[in-house]
Amino acid sequence: LVAAFGSIASARSRLEELQSNYSQRLASLRDGLNQTLQRCGRPCDSVSLDGLAFSANFSMIPGVEQQLEALRDVSGSNIEADLE
């Protein structure tokens, strides 16, 4: 269980990092496309980049830090002695 929660926490952190990177890259691409459309002029007036968005939100994955800490506390305790 500790390994599973650790894996979730690690994956969540990595996904948030990737989300940030992709959002920055998408913004840069959008800027470049907008410049291209402006240079294109009138023939490109009807082109819209409104649908160009990164919609994943990995920060919605719940954190498991509290559960990990509780598991560490239980693992580090002498629960057998307490139960006797």
C-alpha atoms as a PDB file:
ATOM      1  CA  LEU A   1       0.000   0.000   0.000  1.00  0.00           C
ATOM      2  CA  VAL A   2       2.857   2.354   0.826  1.00  0.00           C
ATOM      3  CA  ALA A   3       4.398   1.609  -2.575  1.00  0.00           C
ATOM      4  CA  ALA A   4       1.089   2.267  -4.338  1.00  0.00           C
ATOM      5  CA  PHE A   5       0.580   5.617  -2.603  1.00  0.00           C
ATOM      6  CA  GLY A   6       4.207   6.505  -3.310  1.00  0.00           C
ATOM      7  CA  SER A   7       3.705   5.692  -6.969  1.00  0.00           C
ATOM      8  CA  ILE A   8       0.542   7.820  -7.103  1.00  0.00           C
ATOM      9  CA  ALA A   9       2.325  10.771  -5.491  1.00  0.00           C
ATOM     10  CA  SER A  10       5.263  10.449  -7.873  1.00  0.00           C
ATOM     11  CA  ALA A  11       3.033  10.138 -10.939  1.00  0.00           C
ATOM     12  CA  ARG A  12       0.927  13.112  -9.862  1.00  0.00           C
ATOM     13  CA  SER A  13       3.992  15.279  -9.461  1.00  0.00           C
ATOM     14  CA  ARG A  14       5.356  14.233 -12.857  1.00  0.00           C
ATOM     15  CA  LEU A  15       2.014  14.810 -14.587  1.00  0.00           C
ATOM     16  CA  GLU A  16       1.734  18.309 -13.106  1.00  0.00           C
ATOM     17  CA  GLU A  17       5.246  19.063 -14.351  1.00  0.00           C
ATOM     18  CA  LEU A  18       4.364  17.811 -17.832  1.00  0.00           C
ATOM     19  CA  GLN A  19       1.128  19.804 -17.799  1.00  0.00           C
ATOM     20  CA  SER A  20       3.062  22.972 -17.063  1.00  0.00           C
ATOM     21  CA  ASN A  21       5.596  22.233 -19.814  1.00  0.00           C
ATOM     22  CA  TYR A  22       2.900  21.447 -22.375  1.00  0.00           C
ATOM     23  CA  SER A  23       0.916  24.540 -21.462  1.00  0.00           C
ATOM     24  CA  GLN A  24       3.994  26.713 -21.986  1.00  0.00           C
ATOM     25  CA  ARG A  25       4.801  25.024 -25.292  1.00  0.00           C
ATOM     26  CA  LEU A  26       1.196  25.376 -26.461  1.00  0.00           C
ATOM     27  CA  ALA A  27       1.246  29.090 -25.624  1.00  0.00           C
ATOM     28  CA  SER A  28       4.426  29.476 -27.658  1.00  0.00           C
ATOM     29  CA  LEU A  29       2.917  27.577 -30.583  1.00  0.00           C
ATOM     30  CA  ARG A  30      -0.238  29.682 -30.385  1.00  0.00           C
ATOM     31  CA  ASP A  31       1.842  32.876 -30.522  1.00  0.00           C
ATOM     32  CA  GLY A  32       3.717  31.605 -33.585  1.00  0.00           C
ATOM     33  CA  LEU A  33       0.488  30.611 -35.302  1.00  0.00           C
ATOM     34  CA  ASN A  34      -1.073  33.989 -34.543  1.00  0.00           C
ATOM     35  CA  GLN A  35       1.933  35.742 -36.112  1.00  0.00           C
ATOM     36  CA  THR A  36       1.633  33.523 -39.188  1.00  0.00           C
ATOM     37  CA  LEU A  37      -2.083  34.281 -39.446  1.00  0.00           C
ATOM     38  CA  GLN A  38      -1.414  38.019 -39.175  1.00  0.00           C
ATOM     39  CA  ARG A  39       1.160  37.821 -41.975  1.00  0.00           C
ATOM     40  CA  CYS A  40      -1.289  35.809 -44.051  1.00  0.00           C
ATOM     41  CA  GLY A  41      -3.765  38.663 -43.807  1.00  0.00           C
ATOM     42  CA  ARG A  42      -7.254  38.648 -45.220  1.00  0.00           C
ATOM     43  CA  PRO A  43      -7.310  35.055 -46.542  1.00  0.00           C
ATOM     44  CA  CYS A  44      -6.729  33.828 -42.985  1.00  0.00           C
ATOM     45  CA  ASP A  45      -9.190  36.132 -41.217  1.00  0.00           C
ATOM     46  CA  SER A  46     -11.676  33.323 -40.631  1.00  0.00           C
ATOM     47  CA  VAL A  47      -9.119  31.048 -38.960  1.00  0.00           C
ATOM     48  CA  SER A  48      -9.613  30.786 -35.211  1.00  0.00           C
ATOM     49  CA  LEU A  49      -7.261  29.307 -32.649  1.00  0.00           C
ATOM     50  CA  ASP A  50      -9.936  29.292 -29.932  1.00  0.00           C
ATOM     51  CA  GLY A  51     -10.094  25.495 -29.937  1.00  0.00           C
ATOM     52  CA  LEU A  52      -6.352  25.165 -29.467  1.00  0.00           C
ATOM     53  CA  ALA A  53      -6.147  24.439 -25.768  1.00  0.00           C
ATOM     54  CA  PHE A  54      -4.573  21.974 -23.372  1.00  0.00           C
ATOM     55  CA  SER A  55      -7.507  20.880 -21.255  1.00  0.00           C
ATOM     56  CA  ALA A  56      -6.012  18.204 -19.015  1.00  0.00           C
ATOM     57  CA  ASN A  57      -5.760  19.265 -15.394  1.00  0.00           C
ATOM     58  CA  PHE A  58      -3.614  16.795 -13.517  1.00  0.00           C
ATOM     59  CA  SER A  59      -3.694  18.870 -10.351  1.00  0.00           C
ATOM     60  CA  MET A  60      -7.162  17.373  -9.858  1.00  0.00           C
ATOM     61  CA  ILE A  61      -5.567  14.025  -8.971  1.00  0.00           C
ATOM     62  CA  PRO A  62      -5.904  13.923  -5.199  1.00  0.00           C
ATOM     63  CA  GLY A  63      -2.770  14.081  -3.136  1.00  0.00           C
ATOM     64  CA  VAL A  64      -1.930  11.095  -0.985  1.00  0.00           C
ATOM     65  CA  GLU A  65       0.692  12.699   1.224  1.00  0.00           C
ATOM     66  CA  GLN A  66      -1.441  12.473   4.375  1.00  0.00           C
ATOM     67  CA  GLN A  67      -2.142   8.791   3.763  1.00  0.00           C
ATOM     68  CA  LEU A  68       1.552   8.137   3.152  1.00  0.00           C
ATOM     69  CA  GLU A  69       2.474   9.860   6.400  1.00  0.00           C
ATOM     70  CA  ALA A  70      -0.153   7.850   8.304  1.00  0.00           C
ATOM     71  CA  LEU A  71       1.169   4.614   6.813  1.00  0.00           C
ATOM     72  CA  ARG A  72       4.721   5.573   7.775  1.00  0.00           C
ATOM     73  CA  ASP A  73       3.572   6.306  11.319  1.00  0.00           C
ATOM     74  CA  VAL A  74       1.864   2.918  11.580  1.00  0.00           C
ATOM     75  CA  SER A  75       4.832   1.135   9.997  1.00  0.00           C
ATOM     76  CA  GLY A  76       7.248   2.835  12.382  1.00  0.00           C
ATOM     77  CA  SER A  77       5.180   2.175  15.472  1.00  0.00           C
ATOM     78  CA  ASN A  78       5.398  -0.869  17.651  1.00  0.00           C
ATOM     79  CA  ILE A  79       1.765  -1.806  17.049  1.00  0.00           C
ATOM     80  CA  GLU A  80       2.242  -5.402  18.220  1.00  0.00           C
ATOM     81  CA  ALA A  81       3.297  -4.207  21.669  1.00  0.00           C
ATOM     82  CA  ASP A  82       0.348  -1.800  21.780  1.00  0.00           C
ATOM     83  CA  LEU A  83      -2.104  -4.575  20.994  1.00  0.00           C
ATOM     84  CA  GLU A  84      -0.851  -6.897  23.744  1.00  0.00           C
END
